[in-house]
Amino acid sequence: MKKLEIITRPFKLDVVKTTLAGLGVKGMTITEVRGFGRQRGHTEVYRGAEYQVEFTSKIKIEVVVDDAMVNQVVEAVQKTAMTGKVGDGKIFVLPVEDVIRIRTGERGVEAI
């Protein structure tokens, strides 16, 4: 099993969520996050004053999928979330040793 942490633009949440559901991903966790990557933030103008925004708003989507689904999910999310501009985000793929469903005690892929 793998945990995918998808960092993307907030307006891409609905389309990525729909894509994941279409692939059979059963559950996900969504978090509003702030951060920066290579762009190191950006400059904005508010009421005539220019200021530096160091952290940009992003959405983090966390899902756990079976190893057999990883490439399919990564490719679909990448196509769906891409705008072609700096700041599109990242997909992190992390190993998951075990999953336990608290209610039933199921373990592994059955608990996803």
Protein backbone atom coordinates (compact mmCIF):
# COMPACT_ATOMS: atom_id res chain seq x y z
CA MET A 1 0.00 0.00 0.00
CA LYS A 2 1.04 3.58 -0.61
CA LYS A 3 -0.05 6.89 0.80
CA LEU A 4 -0.33 9.67 -1.77
CA GLU A 5 -0.05 13.22 -0.51
CA ILE A 6 -1.27 15.52 -3.26
CA ILE A 7 -0.56 19.23 -2.86
CA THR A 8 -2.55 21.25 -5.39
CA ARG A 9 -4.34 24.51 -6.06
CA PRO A 10 -7.59 25.03 -4.13
CA PHE A 11 -9.73 25.44 -7.26
CA LYS A 12 -8.59 21.99 -8.47
CA LEU A 13 -10.07 20.18 -5.44
CA ASP A 14 -13.44 19.25 -6.97
CA VAL A 15 -12.01 17.90 -10.22
CA VAL A 16 -9.29 15.90 -8.43
CA LYS A 17 -11.84 14.54 -5.94
CA THR A 18 -14.10 13.45 -8.83
CA THR A 19 -11.16 11.84 -10.62
CA LEU A 20 -10.13 9.90 -7.51
CA ALA A 21 -13.70 8.70 -6.90
CA GLY A 22 -13.92 7.60 -10.54
CA LEU A 23 -10.81 5.45 -10.06
CA GLY A 24 -12.34 3.71 -7.05
CA VAL A 25 -10.53 5.56 -4.28
CA LYS A 26 -12.88 5.09 -1.33
CA GLY A 27 -11.69 7.68 1.14
CA MET A 28 -9.55 10.78 1.38
CA THR A 29 -8.51 13.46 3.82
CA ILE A 30 -8.48 17.09 2.74
CA THR A 31 -6.48 19.78 4.54
CA GLU A 32 -6.11 23.46 3.75
CA VAL A 33 -2.38 24.19 3.88
CA ARG A 34 -0.02 27.06 3.16
CA GLY A 35 3.50 26.89 1.88
CA PHE A 36 5.95 27.69 -0.87
CA GLY A 37 8.11 25.86 -3.34
CA ARG A 38 10.52 27.15 -5.92
CA GLN A 39 8.49 30.30 -6.52
CA ARG A 40 9.09 31.44 -2.91
CA GLY A 41 5.71 33.17 -2.74
CA HIS A 42 4.65 36.13 -4.84
CA THR A 43 4.07 39.88 -4.73
CA GLU A 44 0.54 41.34 -4.52
CA VAL A 45 -0.83 44.86 -4.52
CA TYR A 46 -3.56 45.81 -2.03
CA ARG A 47 -4.94 49.36 -1.94
CA GLY A 48 -1.92 50.63 -3.79
CA ALA A 49 0.60 49.04 -1.43
CA GLU A 50 2.80 46.23 -2.66
CA TYR A 51 3.55 43.39 -0.27
CA GLN A 52 5.20 39.97 -0.37
CA VAL A 53 3.05 36.87 0.16
CA GLU A 54 5.52 34.25 1.36
CA PHE A 55 3.11 31.33 1.71
CA THR A 56 0.51 30.45 -0.89
CA SER A 57 -2.74 28.65 -0.10
CA LYS A 58 -2.90 25.04 -1.26
CA ILE A 59 -5.00 21.94 -0.63
CA LYS A 60 -3.45 18.69 0.59
CA ILE A 61 -5.33 15.54 -0.37
CA GLU A 62 -4.25 12.33 1.36
CA VAL A 63 -5.29 8.93 0.07
CA VAL A 64 -4.08 5.38 0.67
CA VAL A 65 -4.24 3.01 -2.28
CA ASP A 66 -3.18 -0.53 -3.11
CA ASP A 67 0.22 -0.80 -4.82
CA ALA A 68 -1.48 -1.91 -8.05
CA MET A 69 -3.36 1.41 -8.30
CA VAL A 70 -0.52 3.81 -7.58
CA ASN A 71 0.62 4.56 -11.14
CA GLN A 72 -2.94 4.89 -12.45
CA VAL A 73 -3.90 7.30 -9.65
CA VAL A 74 -0.71 9.38 -9.96
CA GLU A 75 -1.12 9.76 -13.75
CA ALA A 76 -4.80 10.70 -13.47
CA VAL A 77 -4.21 13.25 -10.71
CA GLN A 78 -1.26 14.76 -12.56
CA LYS A 79 -3.35 15.26 -15.72
CA THR A 80 -6.32 16.60 -13.75
CA ALA A 81 -4.45 19.01 -11.48
CA MET A 82 -2.04 20.42 -14.08
CA THR A 83 -2.46 23.99 -15.31
CA GLY A 84 1.04 24.24 -16.78
CA LYS A 85 1.97 27.15 -14.53
CA VAL A 86 4.40 27.42 -11.62
CA GLY A 87 2.74 26.33 -8.39
CA ASP A 88 0.68 23.40 -9.69
CA GLY A 89 1.86 21.32 -6.73
CA LYS A 90 3.41 17.95 -5.98
CA ILE A 91 2.45 14.32 -5.45
CA PHE A 92 4.36 12.47 -2.73
CA VAL A 93 4.26 8.66 -2.72
CA LEU A 94 4.99 7.11 0.68
CA PRO A 95 5.02 3.47 1.78
CA VAL A 96 2.31 2.36 4.21
CA GLU A 97 3.23 -0.54 6.45
CA ASP A 98 -0.27 -1.35 7.71
CA VAL A 99 -3.79 0.03 8.01
CA ILE A 100 -6.26 -0.92 10.73
CA ARG A 101 -9.96 -0.03 10.60
CA ILE A 102 -10.79 0.85 14.19
CA ARG A 103 -14.46 -0.17 14.05
CA THR A 104 -13.99 -3.71 12.67
CA GLY A 105 -10.33 -4.50 13.26
CA GLU A 106 -9.78 -5.18 9.54
CA ARG A 107 -6.18 -4.82 8.44
CA GLY A 108 -4.31 -4.10 5.24
CA VAL A 109 -6.01 -3.50 1.90
CA GLU A 110 -9.40 -4.54 3.31
CA ALA A 111 -9.19 -1.64 5.77
CA ILE A 112 -8.65 1.01 3.11
